[in-house]
Amino acid sequence: NPFKISEFTPIVGLYNMPLVMVVKEIRNSNTIEEFIDFAKKN
């Protein structure tokens, strides 16, 4: 990257934005752990 995060000085937290992981419906995969297991096996 042409910049480093250390070049910035945080001054204020403005807001929180939740991040959500979604995946197309996969059999027997309702949690992140089940998805990782499925991904490794397949």
PDB file of all heavy atoms in Angstrom:
ATOM      1  N   ASN A   1       0.845  -1.192   0.000  1.00  0.00           N
ATOM      2  CA  ASN A   1       0.000   0.000   0.000  1.00  0.00           C
ATOM      3  C   ASN A   1       0.878   1.239   0.000  1.00  0.00           C
ATOM      4  O   ASN A   1       1.929   1.254   0.639  1.00  0.00           O
ATOM      5  CB  ASN A   1      -0.861   0.026   1.271  1.00  0.00           C
ATOM      6  CG  ASN A   1      -2.297  -0.257   0.974  1.00  0.00           C
ATOM      7  OD1 ASN A   1      -2.741  -0.181  -0.151  1.00  0.00           O
ATOM      8  ND2 ASN A   1      -3.027  -0.575   2.006  1.00  0.00           N
ATOM      9  N   PRO A   2       0.439   2.305  -0.652  1.00  0.00           N
ATOM     10  CA  PRO A   2       1.243   3.527  -0.649  1.00  0.00           C
ATOM     11  C   PRO A   2       1.161   4.306   0.670  1.00  0.00           C
ATOM     12  O   PRO A   2       1.864   5.275   0.849  1.00  0.00           O
ATOM     13  CB  PRO A   2       0.645   4.335  -1.793  1.00  0.00           C
ATOM     14  CG  PRO A   2      -0.754   3.853  -1.911  1.00  0.00           C
ATOM     15  CD  PRO A   2      -0.718   2.393  -1.526  1.00  0.00           C
ATOM     16  N   PHE A   3       0.304   3.884   1.578  1.00  0.00           N
ATOM     17  CA  PHE A   3       0.166   4.565   2.868  1.00  0.00           C
ATOM     18  C   PHE A   3       0.264   3.542   3.985  1.00  0.00           C
ATOM     19  O   PHE A   3       0.082   2.355   3.782  1.00  0.00           O
ATOM     20  CB  PHE A   3      -1.179   5.303   2.966  1.00  0.00           C
ATOM     21  CG  PHE A   3      -2.361   4.382   3.021  1.00  0.00           C
ATOM     22  CD1 PHE A   3      -2.879   3.965   4.244  1.00  0.00           C
ATOM     23  CD2 PHE A   3      -2.958   3.907   1.872  1.00  0.00           C
ATOM     24  CE1 PHE A   3      -3.959   3.092   4.303  1.00  0.00           C
ATOM     25  CE2 PHE A   3      -4.033   3.043   1.923  1.00  0.00           C
ATOM     26  CZ  PHE A   3      -4.534   2.637   3.140  1.00  0.00           C
ATOM     27  N   LYS A   4       0.563   4.022   5.157  1.00  0.00           N
ATOM     28  CA  LYS A   4       0.613   3.180   6.355  1.00  0.00           C
ATOM     29  C   LYS A   4      -0.419   3.707   7.344  1.00  0.00           C
ATOM     30  O   LYS A   4      -0.616   4.919   7.466  1.00  0.00           O
ATOM     31  CB  LYS A   4       2.002   3.230   7.008  1.00  0.00           C
ATOM     32  CG  LYS A   4       3.127   2.833   6.087  1.00  0.00           C
ATOM     33  CD  LYS A   4       3.091   1.357   5.798  1.00  0.00           C
ATOM     34  CE  LYS A   4       4.215   0.954   4.864  1.00  0.00           C
ATOM     35  NZ  LYS A   4       3.786   0.206   3.715  1.00  0.00           N
ATOM     36  N   ILE A   5      -1.068   2.830   8.059  1.00  0.00           N
ATOM     37  CA  ILE A   5      -2.088   3.238   9.023  1.00  0.00           C
ATOM     38  C   ILE A   5      -1.464   4.126  10.104  1.00  0.00           C
ATOM     39  O   ILE A   5      -2.128   5.006  10.659  1.00  0.00           O
ATOM     40  CB  ILE A   5      -2.826   2.014   9.610  1.00  0.00           C
ATOM     41  CG1 ILE A   5      -4.164   2.431  10.211  1.00  0.00           C
ATOM     42  CG2 ILE A   5      -1.987   1.282  10.618  1.00  0.00           C
ATOM     43  CD1 ILE A   5      -5.180   2.898   9.230  1.00  0.00           C
ATOM     44  N   SER A   6      -0.183   3.952  10.351  1.00  0.00           N
ATOM     45  CA  SER A   6       0.504   4.768  11.366  1.00  0.00           C
ATOM     46  C   SER A   6       0.635   6.231  10.945  1.00  0.00           C
ATOM     47  O   SER A   6       0.986   7.076  11.770  1.00  0.00           O
ATOM     48  CB  SER A   6       1.884   4.186  11.658  1.00  0.00           C
ATOM     49  OG  SER A   6       2.670   4.173  10.481  1.00  0.00           O
ATOM     50  N   GLU A   7       0.348   6.546   9.686  1.00  0.00           N
ATOM     51  CA  GLU A   7       0.398   7.935   9.220  1.00  0.00           C
ATOM     52  C   GLU A   7      -0.825   8.740   9.670  1.00  0.00           C
ATOM     53  O   GLU A   7      -0.853   9.950   9.476  1.00  0.00           O
ATOM     54  CB  GLU A   7       0.489   7.974   7.693  1.00  0.00           C
ATOM     55  CG  GLU A   7       1.780   7.386   7.153  1.00  0.00           C
ATOM     56  CD  GLU A   7       1.815   7.381   5.642  1.00  0.00           C
ATOM     57  OE1 GLU A   7       1.325   6.399   5.048  1.00  0.00           O
ATOM     58  OE2 GLU A   7       2.324   8.355   5.066  1.00  0.00           O
ATOM     59  N   PHE A   8      -1.788   8.056  10.267  1.00  0.00           N
ATOM     60  CA  PHE A   8      -3.019   8.722  10.678  1.00  0.00           C
ATOM     61  C   PHE A   8      -3.091   8.823  12.191  1.00  0.00           C
ATOM     62  O   PHE A   8      -2.595   7.960  12.907  1.00  0.00           O
ATOM     63  CB  PHE A   8      -4.240   7.952  10.167  1.00  0.00           C
ATOM     64  CG  PHE A   8      -4.316   7.896   8.666  1.00  0.00           C
ATOM     65  CD1 PHE A   8      -3.830   6.801   7.976  1.00  0.00           C
ATOM     66  CD2 PHE A   8      -4.868   8.947   7.958  1.00  0.00           C
ATOM     67  CE1 PHE A   8      -3.892   6.750   6.600  1.00  0.00           C
ATOM     68  CE2 PHE A   8      -4.922   8.909   6.573  1.00  0.00           C
ATOM     69  CZ  PHE A   8      -4.438   7.819   5.899  1.00  0.00           C
ATOM     70  N   THR A   9      -3.740   9.864  12.658  1.00  0.00           N
ATOM     71  CA  THR A   9      -3.995  10.045  14.084  1.00  0.00           C
ATOM     72  C   THR A   9      -5.500   9.972  14.287  1.00  0.00           C
ATOM     73  O   THR A   9      -6.230  10.828  13.796  1.00  0.00           O
ATOM     74  CB  THR A   9      -3.480  11.411  14.568  1.00  0.00           C
ATOM     75  OG1 THR A   9      -2.084  11.488  14.307  1.00  0.00           O
ATOM     76  CG2 THR A   9      -3.759  11.593  16.052  1.00  0.00           C
ATOM     77  N   PRO A  10      -5.989   8.950  14.985  1.00  0.00           N
ATOM     78  CA  PRO A  10      -7.432   8.879  15.238  1.00  0.00           C
ATOM     79  C   PRO A  10      -7.850  10.049  16.132  1.00  0.00           C
ATOM     80  O   PRO A  10      -7.169  10.360  17.111  1.00  0.00           O
ATOM     81  CB  PRO A  10      -7.621   7.550  15.968  1.00  0.00           C
ATOM     82  CG  PRO A  10      -6.302   6.872  15.977  1.00  0.00           C
ATOM     83  CD  PRO A  10      -5.262   7.842  15.571  1.00  0.00           C
ATOM     84  N   ILE A  11      -8.956  10.696  15.776  1.00  0.00           N
ATOM     85  CA  ILE A  11      -9.426  11.812  16.601  1.00  0.00           C
ATOM     86  C   ILE A  11     -10.790  11.560  17.224  1.00  0.00           C
ATOM     87  O   ILE A  11     -11.074  12.092  18.286  1.00  0.00           O
ATOM     88  CB  ILE A  11      -9.419  13.151  15.829  1.00  0.00           C
ATOM     89  CG1 ILE A  11     -10.236  13.069  14.547  1.00  0.00           C
ATOM     90  CG2 ILE A  11      -7.989  13.578  15.543  1.00  0.00           C
ATOM     91  CD1 ILE A  11     -10.392  14.385  13.823  1.00  0.00           C
ATOM     92  N   VAL A  12     -11.617  10.745  16.586  1.00  0.00           N
ATOM     93  CA  VAL A  12     -12.933  10.463  17.161  1.00  0.00           C
ATOM     94  C   VAL A  12     -13.549   9.262  16.446  1.00  0.00           C
ATOM     95  O   VAL A  12     -13.348   9.072  15.250  1.00  0.00           O
ATOM     96  CB  VAL A  12     -13.870  11.698  17.058  1.00  0.00           C
ATOM     97  CG1 VAL A  12     -14.217  12.028  15.619  1.00  0.00           C
ATOM     98  CG2 VAL A  12     -15.136  11.508  17.880  1.00  0.00           C
ATOM     99  N   GLY A  13     -14.264   8.444  17.188  1.00  0.00           N
ATOM    100  CA  GLY A  13     -15.076   7.389  16.589  1.00  0.00           C
ATOM    101  C   GLY A  13     -16.391   8.015  16.157  1.00  0.00           C
ATOM    102  O   GLY A  13     -17.072   8.649  16.964  1.00  0.00           O
ATOM    103  N   LEU A  14     -16.748   7.876  14.910  1.00  0.00           N
ATOM    104  CA  LEU A  14     -17.946   8.532  14.395  1.00  0.00           C
ATOM    105  C   LEU A  14     -19.202   7.680  14.512  1.00  0.00           C
ATOM    106  O   LEU A  14     -20.259   8.168  14.837  1.00  0.00           O
ATOM    107  CB  LEU A  14     -17.747   8.926  12.928  1.00  0.00           C
ATOM    108  CG  LEU A  14     -16.654   9.953  12.657  1.00  0.00           C
ATOM    109  CD1 LEU A  14     -16.526  10.199  11.164  1.00  0.00           C
ATOM    110  CD2 LEU A  14     -16.959  11.246  13.392  1.00  0.00           C
ATOM    111  N   TYR A  15     -19.076   6.396  14.224  1.00  0.00           N
ATOM    112  CA  TYR A  15     -20.238   5.519  14.217  1.00  0.00           C
ATOM    113  C   TYR A  15     -19.772   4.080  14.152  1.00  0.00           C
ATOM    114  O   TYR A  15     -18.626   3.807  13.817  1.00  0.00           O
ATOM    115  CB  TYR A  15     -21.164   5.827  13.030  1.00  0.00           C
ATOM    116  CG  TYR A  15     -20.430   5.936  11.711  1.00  0.00           C
ATOM    117  CD1 TYR A  15     -20.099   4.801  10.977  1.00  0.00           C
ATOM    118  CD2 TYR A  15     -20.043   7.171  11.218  1.00  0.00           C
ATOM    119  CE1 TYR A  15     -19.413   4.896   9.789  1.00  0.00           C
ATOM    120  CE2 TYR A  15     -19.354   7.270  10.026  1.00  0.00           C
ATOM    121  CZ  TYR A  15     -19.046   6.140   9.313  1.00  0.00           C
ATOM    122  OH  TYR A  15     -18.346   6.233   8.130  1.00  0.00           O
ATOM    123  N   ASN A  16     -20.661   3.174  14.483  1.00  0.00           N
ATOM    124  CA  ASN A  16     -20.395   1.743  14.354  1.00  0.00           C
ATOM    125  C   ASN A  16     -21.290   1.195  13.254  1.00  0.00           C
ATOM    126  O   ASN A  16     -22.484   1.464  13.241  1.00  0.00           O
ATOM    127  CB  ASN A  16     -20.704   1.004  15.660  1.00  0.00           C
ATOM    128  CG  ASN A  16     -19.713   1.341  16.745  1.00  0.00           C
ATOM    129  OD1 ASN A  16     -18.530   1.450  16.475  1.00  0.00           O
ATOM    130  ND2 ASN A  16     -20.195   1.527  17.957  1.00  0.00           N
ATOM    131  N   MET A  17     -20.699   0.426  12.366  1.00  0.00           N
ATOM    132  CA  MET A  17     -21.462  -0.206  11.288  1.00  0.00           C
ATOM    133  C   MET A  17     -21.266  -1.710  11.413  1.00  0.00           C
ATOM    134  O   MET A  17     -20.145  -2.195  11.305  1.00  0.00           O
ATOM    135  CB  MET A  17     -20.981   0.281   9.920  1.00  0.00           C
ATOM    136  CG  MET A  17     -21.233   1.756   9.700  1.00  0.00           C
ATOM    137  SD  MET A  17     -20.553   2.347   8.155  1.00  0.00           S
ATOM    138  CE  MET A  17     -21.890   1.950   7.055  1.00  0.00           C
ATOM    139  N   PRO A  18     -22.342  -2.434  11.678  1.00  0.00           N
ATOM    140  CA  PRO A  18     -22.189  -3.887  11.806  1.00  0.00           C
ATOM    141  C   PRO A  18     -21.820  -4.521  10.471  1.00  0.00           C
ATOM    142  O   PRO A  18     -22.256  -4.081   9.412  1.00  0.00           O
ATOM    143  CB  PRO A  18     -23.571  -4.348  12.270  1.00  0.00           C
ATOM    144  CG  PRO A  18     -24.502  -3.277  11.830  1.00  0.00           C
ATOM    145  CD  PRO A  18     -23.725  -2.000  11.827  1.00  0.00           C
ATOM    146  N   LEU A  19     -20.994  -5.534  10.552  1.00  0.00           N
ATOM    147  CA  LEU A  19     -20.633  -6.315   9.380  1.00  0.00           C
ATOM    148  C   LEU A  19     -21.288  -7.672   9.502  1.00  0.00           C
ATOM    149  O   LEU A  19     -21.281  -8.278  10.568  1.00  0.00           O
ATOM    150  CB  LEU A  19     -19.115  -6.467   9.281  1.00  0.00           C
ATOM    151  CG  LEU A  19     -18.323  -5.171   9.183  1.00  0.00           C
ATOM    152  CD1 LEU A  19     -16.826  -5.463   9.235  1.00  0.00           C
ATOM    153  CD2 LEU A  19     -18.676  -4.419   7.921  1.00  0.00           C
ATOM    154  N   VAL A  20     -21.842  -8.140   8.420  1.00  0.00           N
ATOM    155  CA  VAL A  20     -22.549  -9.408   8.426  1.00  0.00           C
ATOM    156  C   VAL A  20     -21.991 -10.280   7.317  1.00  0.00           C
ATOM    157  O   VAL A  20     -21.810  -9.834   6.191  1.00  0.00           O
ATOM    158  CB  VAL A  20     -24.074  -9.189   8.199  1.00  0.00           C
ATOM    159  CG1 VAL A  20     -24.800 -10.509   8.170  1.00  0.00           C
ATOM    160  CG2 VAL A  20     -24.641  -8.259   9.255  1.00  0.00           C
ATOM    161  N   MET A  21     -21.702 -11.515   7.648  1.00  0.00           N
ATOM    162  CA  MET A  21     -21.255 -12.465   6.636  1.00  0.00           C
ATOM    163  C   MET A  21     -22.464 -13.271   6.192  1.00  0.00           C
ATOM    164  O   MET A  21     -23.194 -13.810   7.019  1.00  0.00           O
ATOM    165  CB  MET A  21     -20.191 -13.402   7.202  1.00  0.00           C
ATOM    166  CG  MET A  21     -19.648 -14.355   6.184  1.00  0.00           C
ATOM    167  SD  MET A  21     -18.315 -15.312   6.912  1.00  0.00           S
ATOM    168  CE  MET A  21     -18.610 -16.873   6.128  1.00  0.00           C
ATOM    169  N   VAL A  22     -22.682 -13.325   4.895  1.00  0.00           N
ATOM    170  CA  VAL A  22     -23.790 -14.113   4.357  1.00  0.00           C
ATOM    171  C   VAL A  22     -23.240 -15.051   3.299  1.00  0.00           C
ATOM    172  O   VAL A  22     -22.201 -14.805   2.702  1.00  0.00           O
ATOM    173  CB  VAL A  22     -24.898 -13.217   3.744  1.00  0.00           C
ATOM    174  CG1 VAL A  22     -25.538 -12.357   4.796  1.00  0.00           C
ATOM    175  CG2 VAL A  22     -24.377 -12.381   2.606  1.00  0.00           C
ATOM    176  N   VAL A  23     -23.936 -16.134   3.102  1.00  0.00           N
ATOM    177  CA  VAL A  23     -23.541 -17.113   2.110  1.00  0.00           C
ATOM    178  C   VAL A  23     -24.817 -17.691   1.506  1.00  0.00           C
ATOM    179  O   VAL A  23     -25.854 -17.760   2.179  1.00  0.00           O
ATOM    180  CB  VAL A  23     -22.655 -18.223   2.751  1.00  0.00           C
ATOM    181  CG1 VAL A  23     -23.409 -19.011   3.790  1.00  0.00           C
ATOM    182  CG2 VAL A  23     -22.064 -19.124   1.696  1.00  0.00           C
ATOM    183  N   LYS A  24     -24.739 -18.055   0.241  1.00  0.00           N
ATOM    184  CA  LYS A  24     -25.885 -18.708  -0.379  1.00  0.00           C
ATOM    185  C   LYS A  24     -26.206 -19.957   0.428  1.00  0.00           C
ATOM    186  O   LYS A  24     -25.310 -20.609   0.967  1.00  0.00           O
ATOM    187  CB  LYS A  24     -25.554 -19.067  -1.825  1.00  0.00           C
ATOM    188  CG  LYS A  24     -26.744 -19.602  -2.578  1.00  0.00           C
ATOM    189  CD  LYS A  24     -26.404 -19.827  -4.036  1.00  0.00           C
ATOM    190  CE  LYS A  24     -27.610 -20.408  -4.734  1.00  0.00           C
ATOM    191  NZ  LYS A  24     -27.357 -20.613  -6.147  1.00  0.00           N
ATOM    192  N   GLU A  25     -27.450 -20.280   0.527  1.00  0.00           N
ATOM    193  CA  GLU A  25     -27.887 -21.400   1.367  1.00  0.00           C
ATOM    194  C   GLU A  25     -27.071 -22.663   1.078  1.00  0.00           C
ATOM    195  O   GLU A  25     -26.955 -23.108  -0.058  1.00  0.00           O
ATOM    196  CB  GLU A  25     -29.361 -21.688   1.118  1.00  0.00           C
ATOM    197  CG  GLU A  25     -29.924 -22.699   2.072  1.00  0.00           C
ATOM    198  CD  GLU A  25     -31.429 -22.893   1.881  1.00  0.00           C
ATOM    199  OE1 GLU A  25     -32.064 -22.035   1.256  1.00  0.00           O
ATOM    200  OE2 GLU A  25     -31.932 -23.913   2.348  1.00  0.00           O
ATOM    201  N   ILE A  26     -26.473 -23.171   2.126  1.00  0.00           N
ATOM    202  CA  ILE A  26     -25.678 -24.401   2.038  1.00  0.00           C
ATOM    203  C   ILE A  26     -26.243 -25.364   3.078  1.00  0.00           C
ATOM    204  O   ILE A  26     -26.445 -24.999   4.227  1.00  0.00           O
ATOM    205  CB  ILE A  26     -24.184 -24.139   2.328  1.00  0.00           C
ATOM    206  CG1 ILE A  26     -23.601 -23.199   1.271  1.00  0.00           C
ATOM    207  CG2 ILE A  26     -23.404 -25.438   2.363  1.00  0.00           C
ATOM    208  CD1 ILE A  26     -22.163 -22.811   1.540  1.00  0.00           C
ATOM    209  N   ARG A  27     -26.467 -26.599   2.661  1.00  0.00           N
ATOM    210  CA  ARG A  27     -26.981 -27.602   3.600  1.00  0.00           C
ATOM    211  C   ARG A  27     -26.115 -27.706   4.842  1.00  0.00           C
ATOM    212  O   ARG A  27     -24.895 -27.700   4.754  1.00  0.00           O
ATOM    213  CB  ARG A  27     -27.001 -28.972   2.927  1.00  0.00           C
ATOM    214  CG  ARG A  27     -28.296 -29.365   2.335  1.00  0.00           C
ATOM    215  CD  ARG A  27     -28.191 -30.760   1.807  1.00  0.00           C
ATOM    216  NE  ARG A  27     -26.890 -30.880   1.108  1.00  0.00           N
ATOM    217  CZ  ARG A  27     -26.546 -31.863   0.342  1.00  0.00           C
ATOM    218  NH1 ARG A  27     -27.355 -32.866   0.173  1.00  0.00           N
ATOM    219  NH2 ARG A  27     -25.387 -31.894  -0.255  1.00  0.00           N
ATOM    220  N   ASN A  28     -26.733 -27.796   5.964  1.00  0.00           N
ATOM    221  CA  ASN A  28     -26.057 -28.011   7.241  1.00  0.00           C
ATOM    222  C   ASN A  28     -24.983 -26.962   7.547  1.00  0.00           C
ATOM    223  O   ASN A  28     -23.952 -27.275   8.102  1.00  0.00           O
ATOM    224  CB  ASN A  28     -25.429 -29.411   7.282  1.00  0.00           C
ATOM    225  CG  ASN A  28     -26.473 -30.485   7.079  1.00  0.00           C
ATOM    226  OD1 ASN A  28     -27.596 -30.360   7.565  1.00  0.00           O
ATOM    227  ND2 ASN A  28     -26.124 -31.527   6.350  1.00  0.00           N
ATOM    228  N   SER A  29     -25.227 -25.744   7.148  1.00  0.00           N
ATOM    229  CA  SER A  29     -24.268 -24.677   7.421  1.00  0.00           C
ATOM    230  C   SER A  29     -25.023 -23.461   7.929  1.00  0.00           C
ATOM    231  O   SER A  29     -25.422 -22.601   7.161  1.00  0.00           O
ATOM    232  CB  SER A  29     -23.488 -24.336   6.148  1.00  0.00           C
ATOM    233  OG  SER A  29     -22.527 -23.368   6.413  1.00  0.00           O
ATOM    234  N   ASN A  30     -25.214 -23.416   9.249  1.00  0.00           N
ATOM    235  CA  ASN A  30     -25.953 -22.318   9.861  1.00  0.00           C
ATOM    236  C   ASN A  30     -25.102 -21.439  10.764  1.00  0.00           C
ATOM    237  O   ASN A  30     -25.574 -20.432  11.265  1.00  0.00           O
ATOM    238  CB  ASN A  30     -27.140 -22.865  10.669  1.00  0.00           C
ATOM    239  CG  ASN A  30     -28.131 -23.558   9.765  1.00  0.00           C
ATOM    240  OD1 ASN A  30     -28.574 -22.990   8.774  1.00  0.00           O
ATOM    241  ND2 ASN A  30     -28.462 -24.793  10.091  1.00  0.00           N
ATOM    242  N   THR A  31     -23.852 -21.812  10.979  1.00  0.00           N
ATOM    243  CA  THR A  31     -22.939 -21.019  11.793  1.00  0.00           C
ATOM    244  C   THR A  31     -21.631 -20.887  11.041  1.00  0.00           C
ATOM    245  O   THR A  31     -21.362 -21.618  10.082  1.00  0.00           O
ATOM    246  CB  THR A  31     -22.657 -21.685  13.157  1.00  0.00           C
ATOM    247  OG1 THR A  31     -21.924 -22.896  12.920  1.00  0.00           O
ATOM    248  CG2 THR A  31     -23.945 -21.980  13.924  1.00  0.00           C
ATOM    249  N   ILE A  32     -20.785 -19.974  11.487  1.00  0.00           N
ATOM    250  CA  ILE A  32     -19.490 -19.799  10.844  1.00  0.00           C
ATOM    251  C   ILE A  32     -18.646 -21.066  10.975  1.00  0.00           C
ATOM    252  O   ILE A  32     -17.957 -21.463  10.038  1.00  0.00           O
ATOM    253  CB  ILE A  32     -18.745 -18.553  11.385  1.00  0.00           C
ATOM    254  CG1 ILE A  32     -17.479 -18.276  10.574  1.00  0.00           C
ATOM    255  CG2 ILE A  32     -18.408 -18.710  12.849  1.00  0.00           C
ATOM    256  CD1 ILE A  32     -17.709 -17.852   9.162  1.00  0.00           C
ATOM    257  N   GLU A  33     -18.751 -21.739  12.117  1.00  0.00           N
ATOM    258  CA  GLU A  33     -17.992 -22.973  12.320  1.00  0.00           C
ATOM    259  C   GLU A  33     -18.434 -24.047  11.331  1.00  0.00           C
ATOM    260  O   GLU A  33     -17.605 -24.759  10.743  1.00  0.00           O
ATOM    261  CB  GLU A  33     -18.151 -23.479  13.758  1.00  0.00           C
ATOM    262  CG  GLU A  33     -17.504 -22.594  14.800  1.00  0.00           C
ATOM    263  CD  GLU A  33     -18.353 -21.378  15.196  1.00  0.00           C
ATOM    264  OE1 GLU A  33     -19.540 -21.283  14.791  1.00  0.00           O
ATOM    265  OE2 GLU A  33     -17.811 -20.509  15.886  1.00  0.00           O
ATOM    266  N   GLU A  34     -19.760 -24.188  11.140  1.00  0.00           N
ATOM    267  CA  GLU A  34     -20.282 -25.182  10.188  1.00  0.00           C
ATOM    268  C   GLU A  34     -19.874 -24.828   8.763  1.00  0.00           C
ATOM    269  O   GLU A  34     -19.552 -25.703   7.962  1.00  0.00           O
ATOM    270  CB  GLU A  34     -21.805 -25.267  10.297  1.00  0.00           C
ATOM    271  CG  GLU A  34     -22.286 -25.887  11.596  1.00  0.00           C
ATOM    272  CD  GLU A  34     -23.790 -25.789  11.778  1.00  0.00           C
ATOM    273  OE1 GLU A  34     -24.472 -25.130  10.964  1.00  0.00           O
ATOM    274  OE2 GLU A  34     -24.302 -26.368  12.757  1.00  0.00           O
ATOM    275  N   PHE A  35     -19.869 -23.541   8.443  1.00  0.00           N
ATOM    276  CA  PHE A  35     -19.456 -23.122   7.104  1.00  0.00           C
ATOM    277  C   PHE A  35     -17.980 -23.440   6.866  1.00  0.00           C
ATOM    278  O   PHE A  35     -17.615 -23.971   5.819  1.00  0.00           O
ATOM    279  CB  PHE A  35     -19.709 -21.627   6.885  1.00  0.00           C
ATOM    280  CG  PHE A  35     -19.147 -21.146   5.582  1.00  0.00           C
ATOM    281  CD1 PHE A  35     -19.773 -21.455   4.385  1.00  0.00           C
ATOM    282  CD2 PHE A  35     -17.967 -20.415   5.546  1.00  0.00           C
ATOM    283  CE1 PHE A  35     -19.257 -21.039   3.174  1.00  0.00           C
ATOM    284  CE2 PHE A  35     -17.432 -19.989   4.349  1.00  0.00           C
ATOM    285  CZ  PHE A  35     -18.072 -20.302   3.155  1.00  0.00           C
ATOM    286  N   ILE A  36     -17.121 -23.141   7.829  1.00  0.00           N
ATOM    287  CA  ILE A  36     -15.688 -23.425   7.687  1.00  0.00           C
ATOM    288  C   ILE A  36     -15.458 -24.918   7.527  1.00  0.00           C
ATOM    289  O   ILE A  36     -14.682 -25.356   6.668  1.00  0.00           O
ATOM    290  CB  ILE A  36     -14.897 -22.854   8.880  1.00  0.00           C
ATOM    291  CG1 ILE A  36     -14.916 -21.326   8.822  1.00  0.00           C
ATOM    292  CG2 ILE A  36     -13.462 -23.392   8.905  1.00  0.00           C
ATOM    293  CD1 ILE A  36     -14.383 -20.639  10.063  1.00  0.00           C
ATOM    294  N   ASP A  37     -16.158 -25.710   8.323  1.00  0.00           N
ATOM    295  CA  ASP A  37     -16.045 -27.172   8.207  1.00  0.00           C
ATOM    296  C   ASP A  37     -16.476 -27.636   6.825  1.00  0.00           C
ATOM    297  O   ASP A  37     -15.785 -28.421   6.181  1.00  0.00           O
ATOM    298  CB  ASP A  37     -16.894 -27.836   9.305  1.00  0.00           C
ATOM    299  CG  ASP A  37     -16.703 -29.342   9.323  1.00  0.00           C
ATOM    300  OD1 ASP A  37     -15.528 -29.793   9.374  1.00  0.00           O
ATOM    301  OD2 ASP A  37     -17.725 -30.051   9.299  1.00  0.00           O
ATOM    302  N   PHE A  38     -17.597 -27.115   6.338  1.00  0.00           N
ATOM    303  CA  PHE A  38     -18.095 -27.457   5.005  1.00  0.00           C
ATOM    304  C   PHE A  38     -17.082 -27.049   3.944  1.00  0.00           C
ATOM    305  O   PHE A  38     -16.780 -27.817   3.019  1.00  0.00           O
ATOM    306  CB  PHE A  38     -19.429 -26.773   4.728  1.00  0.00           C
ATOM    307  CG  PHE A  38     -19.952 -26.946   3.336  1.00  0.00           C
ATOM    308  CD1 PHE A  38     -20.687 -28.076   2.992  1.00  0.00           C
ATOM    309  CD2 PHE A  38     -19.695 -26.001   2.363  1.00  0.00           C
ATOM    310  CE1 PHE A  38     -21.160 -28.250   1.705  1.00  0.00           C
ATOM    311  CE2 PHE A  38     -20.148 -26.169   1.062  1.00  0.00           C
ATOM    312  CZ  PHE A  38     -20.877 -27.299   0.735  1.00  0.00           C
ATOM    313  N   ALA A  39     -16.535 -25.840   4.066  1.00  0.00           N
ATOM    314  CA  ALA A  39     -15.578 -25.337   3.077  1.00  0.00           C
ATOM    315  C   ALA A  39     -14.320 -26.204   3.038  1.00  0.00           C
ATOM    316  O   ALA A  39     -13.803 -26.519   1.971  1.00  0.00           O
ATOM    317  CB  ALA A  39     -15.222 -23.888   3.408  1.00  0.00           C
ATOM    318  N   LYS A  40     -13.830 -26.611   4.203  1.00  0.00           N
ATOM    319  CA  LYS A  40     -12.638 -27.466   4.252  1.00  0.00           C
ATOM    320  C   LYS A  40     -12.900 -28.819   3.612  1.00  0.00           C
ATOM    321  O   LYS A  40     -12.081 -29.332   2.860  1.00  0.00           O
ATOM    322  CB  LYS A  40     -12.183 -27.649   5.701  1.00  0.00           C
ATOM    323  CG  LYS A  40     -11.516 -26.426   6.284  1.00  0.00           C
ATOM    324  CD  LYS A  40     -11.121 -26.680   7.728  1.00  0.00           C
ATOM    325  CE  LYS A  40     -10.427 -25.476   8.336  1.00  0.00           C
ATOM    326  NZ  LYS A  40     -10.099 -25.689   9.757  1.00  0.00           N
ATOM    327  N   LYS A  41     -14.059 -29.409   3.928  1.00  0.00           N
ATOM    328  CA  LYS A  41     -14.389 -30.725   3.383  1.00  0.00           C
ATOM    329  C   LYS A  41     -14.625 -30.684   1.878  1.00  0.00           C
ATOM    330  O   LYS A  41     -14.438 -31.672   1.191  1.00  0.00           O
ATOM    331  CB  LYS A  41     -15.628 -31.290   4.085  1.00  0.00           C
ATOM    332  CG  LYS A  41     -15.346 -31.695   5.515  1.00  0.00           C
ATOM    333  CD  LYS A  41     -16.630 -32.197   6.180  1.00  0.00           C
ATOM    334  CE  LYS A  41     -16.367 -32.542   7.645  1.00  0.00           C
ATOM    335  NZ  LYS A  41     -17.598 -32.869   8.361  1.00  0.00           N
ATOM    336  N   ASN A  42     -15.073 -29.541   1.369  1.00  0.00           N
ATOM    337  CA  ASN A  42     -15.422 -29.435  -0.040  1.00  0.00           C
ATOM    338  C   ASN A  42     -14.439 -28.584  -0.835  1.00  0.00           C
ATOM    339  O   ASN A  42     -14.717 -28.188  -1.975  1.00  0.00           O
ATOM    340  CB  ASN A  42     -16.832 -28.875  -0.173  1.00  0.00           C
ATOM    341  CG  ASN A  42     -17.864 -29.849   0.357  1.00  0.00           C
ATOM    342  OD1 ASN A  42     -18.213 -30.800  -0.320  1.00  0.00           O
ATOM    343  ND2 ASN A  42     -18.298 -29.635   1.580  1.00  0.00           N
TER     344      ASN A  42
END
